N, C-alpha and C. Protein backbone atom coordinates (compact mmCIF):
# COMPACT_ATOMS: atom_id res chain seq x y z
N UNK A 1 -21.81 25.81 37.57
CA UNK A 1 -21.90 26.04 36.19
C UNK A 1 -20.43 26.95 36.11
N UNK A 2 -19.34 26.42 35.10
CA UNK A 2 -18.45 27.40 34.97
C UNK A 2 -18.59 28.15 33.20
N UNK A 3 -18.47 28.92 33.37
CA UNK A 3 -18.55 29.78 31.77
C UNK A 3 -17.23 30.14 31.41
N UNK A 4 -16.89 29.82 30.31
CA UNK A 4 -15.39 30.31 29.65
C UNK A 4 -15.77 31.02 28.50
N UNK A 5 -15.74 32.30 28.72
CA UNK A 5 -15.57 33.24 27.80
C UNK A 5 -14.36 33.40 27.19
N UNK A 6 -13.23 32.83 27.26
CA UNK A 6 -11.97 33.18 26.83
C UNK A 6 -11.90 32.40 25.78
N UNK A 7 -12.39 31.48 25.17
CA UNK A 7 -12.48 30.87 23.76
C UNK A 7 -13.80 31.19 22.99
N UNK A 8 -13.56 30.87 21.63
CA UNK A 8 -14.70 31.28 20.66
C UNK A 8 -15.75 30.28 21.12
N UNK A 9 -15.44 29.05 21.20
CA UNK A 9 -16.63 28.07 21.87
C UNK A 9 -17.31 28.18 22.82
N UNK A 10 -16.55 28.39 23.85
CA UNK A 10 -17.14 28.96 25.33
C UNK A 10 -17.95 30.05 24.84
N UNK A 11 -17.81 31.02 24.25
CA UNK A 11 -18.86 32.09 23.81
C UNK A 11 -19.99 31.90 23.33
N UNK A 12 -19.72 30.96 22.48
CA UNK A 12 -20.81 30.44 21.72
C UNK A 12 -21.78 29.35 22.32
N UNK A 13 -21.31 28.55 23.30
CA UNK A 13 -21.96 28.06 24.06
C UNK A 13 -22.87 28.59 25.00
N UNK A 14 -22.27 29.76 25.89
CA UNK A 14 -22.71 30.50 26.75
C UNK A 14 -23.74 31.51 25.81
N UNK A 15 -23.75 32.02 24.64
CA UNK A 15 -24.83 32.55 24.18
C UNK A 15 -25.63 31.95 23.76
N UNK A 16 -25.55 30.63 23.07
CA UNK A 16 -26.64 29.34 22.84
C UNK A 16 -27.56 29.27 24.04
N UNK A 17 -27.04 28.85 25.12
CA UNK A 17 -27.66 28.43 26.33
C UNK A 17 -28.32 29.83 26.85
N UNK A 18 -28.36 30.93 26.62
CA UNK A 18 -28.98 31.80 27.42
C UNK A 18 -29.85 32.44 26.26
N UNK A 19 -29.62 32.23 24.78
CA UNK A 19 -30.88 32.39 24.09
C UNK A 19 -31.78 31.18 23.78
N UNK A 20 -31.22 30.20 24.33
CA UNK A 20 -32.18 28.83 24.60
C UNK A 20 -33.13 29.32 25.32
N UNK A 21 -33.11 29.53 26.72
CA UNK A 21 -33.64 30.15 27.76
C UNK A 21 -34.63 31.32 27.24
N UNK A 22 -34.35 31.98 26.60
CA UNK A 22 -35.13 33.17 26.25
C UNK A 22 -35.99 32.77 25.25
N UNK A 23 -35.89 31.62 24.30
CA UNK A 23 -36.79 31.11 23.17
C UNK A 23 -37.67 30.12 23.74
N UNK A 24 -37.75 29.56 24.94
CA UNK A 24 -38.68 28.42 25.14
C UNK A 24 -39.84 28.88 24.79
N UNK A 25 -40.35 30.07 25.14
CA UNK A 25 -41.98 30.28 24.68
C UNK A 25 -42.37 30.46 23.26
N UNK A 26 -41.10 30.25 22.50
CA UNK A 26 -41.56 30.38 21.12
C UNK A 26 -41.72 29.06 20.74
N UNK A 27 -42.58 28.54 19.59
CA UNK A 27 -42.64 27.26 18.72
C UNK A 27 -41.46 26.60 18.60
N UNK A 28 -41.23 25.23 18.92
CA UNK A 28 -39.96 24.56 18.75
C UNK A 28 -39.71 24.69 17.10
N UNK A 29 -40.59 24.87 16.45
CA UNK A 29 -39.99 24.77 14.93
C UNK A 29 -39.66 26.21 14.29
N UNK A 30 -39.92 27.37 14.94
CA UNK A 30 -39.18 28.59 14.73
C UNK A 30 -37.89 29.03 15.35
N UNK A 31 -38.19 28.43 16.86
CA UNK A 31 -37.07 28.77 17.82
C UNK A 31 -35.76 28.40 17.36
N UNK A 32 -35.41 26.89 16.80
CA UNK A 32 -34.31 26.66 16.22
C UNK A 32 -33.60 27.77 14.91
N UNK A 33 -34.73 27.73 13.90
CA UNK A 33 -34.59 28.56 12.92
C UNK A 33 -33.95 29.95 13.46
N UNK A 34 -34.70 30.67 14.26
CA UNK A 34 -34.63 31.99 14.75
C UNK A 34 -33.29 31.98 15.49
N UNK A 35 -32.78 31.12 16.25
CA UNK A 35 -31.52 30.96 16.85
C UNK A 35 -30.48 31.01 16.18
N UNK A 36 -30.68 29.92 14.92
CA UNK A 36 -29.55 29.80 14.03
C UNK A 36 -29.01 31.11 13.34
N UNK A 37 -30.29 31.76 12.84
CA UNK A 37 -30.00 33.21 12.12
C UNK A 37 -29.50 34.03 13.05
N UNK A 38 -29.77 34.15 14.30
CA UNK A 38 -29.20 35.00 15.21
C UNK A 38 -27.65 35.23 15.62
N UNK A 39 -27.23 33.66 15.80
CA UNK A 39 -25.78 33.37 15.76
C UNK A 39 -25.03 33.72 14.44
N UNK A 40 -25.69 33.45 13.42
CA UNK A 40 -24.97 33.64 12.23
C UNK A 40 -24.83 35.22 12.30
N UNK A 41 -25.75 36.03 12.55
CA UNK A 41 -25.75 37.40 12.34
C UNK A 41 -25.01 37.95 13.60
N UNK A 42 -24.63 37.21 14.73
CA UNK A 42 -23.99 37.82 15.53
C UNK A 42 -22.48 37.79 15.24
N UNK A 43 -21.91 36.43 14.71
CA UNK A 43 -20.80 36.17 14.20
C UNK A 43 -20.33 37.06 13.20
N UNK A 44 -21.20 37.19 12.40
CA UNK A 44 -20.96 38.23 11.14
C UNK A 44 -20.74 39.85 11.84
N UNK A 45 -21.05 40.22 12.89
CA UNK A 45 -21.16 41.52 13.23
C UNK A 45 -19.72 41.63 14.21
N UNK A 46 -19.57 40.47 14.88
CA UNK A 46 -18.15 40.47 15.51
C UNK A 46 -17.10 40.49 14.80
N UNK A 47 -17.14 39.68 13.36
CA UNK A 47 -16.27 39.83 12.63
C UNK A 47 -16.02 40.86 11.76
N UNK A 48 -16.76 41.72 11.44
CA UNK A 48 -16.76 42.69 10.93
C UNK A 48 -16.50 44.07 11.82
N UNK A 49 -16.47 43.94 13.26
CA UNK A 49 -15.95 44.69 14.27
C UNK A 49 -14.39 44.70 14.27
N UNK A 50 -14.26 43.36 14.27
CA UNK A 50 -12.74 42.94 14.25
C UNK A 50 -12.13 43.49 13.11
N UNK A 51 -12.51 43.39 12.10
CA UNK A 51 -11.82 43.86 10.70
C UNK A 51 -11.92 45.54 10.98
N UNK A 52 -12.81 46.14 11.27
CA UNK A 52 -12.65 47.85 11.31
C UNK A 52 -11.90 47.98 12.50
N UNK A 53 -11.41 47.71 13.55
CA UNK A 53 -10.76 47.61 14.39
C UNK A 53 -9.38 47.37 13.99
N UNK A 54 -9.03 46.35 13.29
CA UNK A 54 -7.68 45.92 12.61
C UNK A 54 -7.55 47.12 11.60
N UNK A 55 -8.60 47.64 11.05
CA UNK A 55 -8.35 48.83 9.94
C UNK A 55 -7.71 50.00 10.98
N UNK A 56 -8.46 50.25 11.69
CA UNK A 56 -8.14 51.39 12.53
C UNK A 56 -6.72 51.49 13.38
N UNK A 57 -6.32 50.13 13.85
CA UNK A 57 -5.18 50.15 14.65
C UNK A 57 -3.92 50.15 13.64
N UNK A 58 -4.12 49.98 11.99
CA UNK A 58 -2.96 49.87 11.49
C UNK A 58 -2.83 51.47 10.89
N UNK A 59 -4.04 52.22 10.85
CA UNK A 59 -4.07 53.70 10.49
C UNK A 59 -3.40 54.35 11.45
N UNK A 60 -3.54 54.09 12.70
CA UNK A 60 -2.99 54.21 14.04
C UNK A 60 -1.47 54.39 14.06
N UNK A 61 -1.08 53.16 13.49
CA UNK A 61 0.19 52.70 13.56
C UNK A 61 1.15 53.43 12.27
N UNK A 62 0.26 53.43 11.17
CA UNK A 62 1.02 54.37 10.26
C UNK A 62 0.87 55.59 10.65
N UNK A 63 0.07 56.45 11.22
CA UNK A 63 0.12 57.95 11.55
C UNK A 63 1.27 57.89 12.65
N UNK A 64 1.78 56.99 13.56
CA UNK A 64 2.61 57.31 14.64
C UNK A 64 3.72 57.53 13.83
N UNK A 65 4.17 56.53 12.94
CA UNK A 65 5.40 56.18 12.46
C UNK A 65 5.52 57.51 11.23
N UNK A 66 4.67 58.15 10.89
CA UNK A 66 4.66 59.29 9.97
C UNK A 66 5.21 60.59 11.16
N UNK A 67 4.49 60.54 12.34
CA UNK A 67 4.96 61.62 13.44
C UNK A 67 5.90 61.56 13.48
N UNK A 68 6.48 60.48 13.85
CA UNK A 68 8.06 59.97 14.23
C UNK A 68 9.14 60.38 13.51
N UNK A 69 8.82 60.22 12.15
CA UNK A 69 9.73 60.53 11.05
C UNK A 69 9.50 62.15 11.10
N UNK A 70 8.54 62.79 10.94
CA UNK A 70 8.41 64.43 11.20
C UNK A 70 9.14 64.88 12.39
N UNK A 71 9.21 64.32 13.64
CA UNK A 71 9.58 64.69 14.53
C UNK A 71 11.30 64.62 14.66
N UNK A 72 11.68 63.26 14.03
CA UNK A 72 12.96 63.39 13.80
C UNK A 72 13.70 64.36 12.58
N UNK A 73 12.82 64.48 11.42
CA UNK A 73 13.34 65.44 10.53
C UNK A 73 13.52 66.80 11.19
N UNK A 74 12.56 67.02 12.12
CA UNK A 74 12.46 68.46 12.66
C UNK A 74 13.78 68.78 13.51
N UNK A 75 13.94 67.50 14.37
CA UNK A 75 15.18 67.58 15.08
C UNK A 75 16.55 67.78 14.51
N UNK A 76 16.42 67.02 13.36
CA UNK A 76 18.04 66.97 12.40
C UNK A 76 18.16 68.49 11.97
N UNK A 77 16.76 69.22 11.31
CA UNK A 77 16.71 70.62 10.78
C UNK A 77 16.93 71.48 11.61
N UNK A 78 16.67 71.28 13.10
CA UNK A 78 17.14 72.50 14.31
C UNK A 78 18.30 72.26 14.24
N UNK A 79 19.03 70.89 14.22
CA UNK A 79 20.45 71.04 14.81
C UNK A 79 21.49 71.55 13.55
N UNK A 80 21.05 71.37 12.45
CA UNK A 80 21.99 72.02 11.19
C UNK A 80 21.35 73.54 11.59
N UNK A 81 20.20 74.23 11.92
CA UNK A 81 20.02 75.55 11.98
C UNK A 81 21.17 76.08 13.03
N UNK A 82 21.15 75.07 14.43
CA UNK A 82 22.09 75.74 15.25
C UNK A 82 23.63 75.73 14.85
N UNK A 83 23.70 74.77 13.86
CA UNK A 83 25.30 74.72 13.44
C UNK A 83 25.51 75.83 12.85
N UNK A 84 24.44 76.25 11.49
CA UNK A 84 24.96 77.42 10.98
C UNK A 84 25.16 78.54 11.85
N UNK A 85 24.36 78.82 12.66
CA UNK A 85 24.56 80.03 13.65
C UNK A 85 25.35 80.01 14.46
N UNK A 86 25.87 78.91 14.83
CA UNK A 86 27.07 79.02 15.74
C UNK A 86 28.61 79.05 14.74
N UNK A 87 28.36 78.79 13.24
CA UNK A 87 29.38 79.03 12.44
C UNK A 87 29.70 80.59 12.09
N UNK A 88 28.22 81.24 12.21
CA UNK A 88 28.13 82.68 11.59
C UNK A 88 28.51 83.74 12.83
N UNK A 89 28.11 83.13 14.06
CA UNK A 89 28.70 83.78 15.14
C UNK A 89 30.10 83.69 15.31
N UNK A 90 30.76 82.70 14.95
CA UNK A 90 32.23 82.57 15.11
C UNK A 90 32.91 83.24 13.61
N UNK A 91 32.29 83.46 12.81
CA UNK A 91 32.85 84.60 11.76
C UNK A 91 32.83 85.49 12.29
N UNK A 92 31.61 86.16 12.65
CA UNK A 92 31.57 87.56 13.25
C UNK A 92 32.38 87.80 14.25
N UNK A 93 32.88 86.72 15.05
CA UNK A 93 33.81 86.98 16.44
C UNK A 93 35.15 87.48 15.60
N UNK A 94 35.47 86.89 14.72
CA UNK A 94 36.77 87.05 13.80
C UNK A 94 37.22 88.17 13.51
N UNK A 95 36.10 88.74 13.13
CA UNK A 95 36.25 89.96 12.14
C UNK A 95 36.82 91.36 13.04
N UNK A 96 38.06 91.64 12.77
CA UNK A 96 38.47 92.74 13.68
C UNK A 96 37.65 94.25 13.84
N UNK A 97 37.19 94.42 15.12
CA UNK A 97 36.07 95.50 15.59
C UNK A 97 37.08 96.72 14.55
N UNK A 98 38.13 96.66 14.60
CA UNK A 98 38.87 98.37 14.46
C UNK A 98 38.90 98.44 12.78
N UNK A 99 38.67 97.53 12.37
CA UNK A 99 38.62 97.28 10.39
C UNK A 99 37.54 97.90 10.10
N UNK A 100 36.35 97.85 10.96
CA UNK A 100 35.14 98.30 10.48
C UNK A 100 35.00 99.77 10.22
N UNK A 101 33.72 100.30 9.60
CA UNK A 101 33.78 101.58 9.35
C UNK A 101 32.96 101.88 10.62
N UNK A 102 33.07 103.31 11.19
CA UNK A 102 32.10 103.77 12.33
C UNK A 102 30.89 103.43 12.24
N UNK A 103 30.15 103.32 11.10
CA UNK A 103 28.77 102.92 11.13
C UNK A 103 28.45 101.50 11.15
N UNK A 104 29.43 100.73 10.85
CA UNK A 104 29.31 98.86 10.74
C UNK A 104 29.89 98.96 12.47
N UNK A 105 30.75 99.53 12.86
CA UNK A 105 30.75 99.33 14.59
C UNK A 105 29.59 99.65 15.31
N UNK A 106 28.85 100.57 14.97
CA UNK A 106 27.65 101.14 15.63
C UNK A 106 26.50 100.15 15.30
N UNK A 107 26.65 99.39 14.20
CA UNK A 107 25.70 98.32 13.71
C UNK A 107 26.05 97.08 14.58
N UNK A 108 27.12 96.57 14.61
CA UNK A 108 27.87 95.29 15.40
C UNK A 108 27.27 95.39 16.68
N UNK A 109 27.38 96.55 17.37
CA UNK A 109 27.12 96.89 18.75
C UNK A 109 25.28 96.72 18.92
N UNK A 110 24.52 97.16 18.13
CA UNK A 110 23.51 97.04 18.04
C UNK A 110 22.93 95.60 18.04
N UNK A 111 23.49 94.75 16.87
CA UNK A 111 23.17 93.42 16.87
C UNK A 111 23.63 92.91 18.17
N UNK A 112 24.67 92.98 18.69
CA UNK A 112 25.13 92.22 19.97
C UNK A 112 24.17 92.53 20.89
N UNK A 113 23.22 93.70 20.92
CA UNK A 113 22.20 94.08 21.96
C UNK A 113 23.19 94.53 23.31
């Protein structure tokens, strides 16, 4: 016997066959009703599970997009900060040290380390 669990109909047939085997001991009048109710509840459970998983995956995708945007924003902010620091260093380098007062020269030496 070949079991096809890749299709919905195959899974239903498999479950139905297994449940029929389990319900052989129950009266025929209740067995069919019980089986039908069980299949309906299983289908509802699977449907609810699939909907919940879809919501969770959508939330994950949304959060990842937000993280990527924040990361890009941080990268662009960092590059701007570095550019401003480069400009400040070049401006400082252009100032003639001899034109500074003695305490300004000492301060410049301390800042340069």
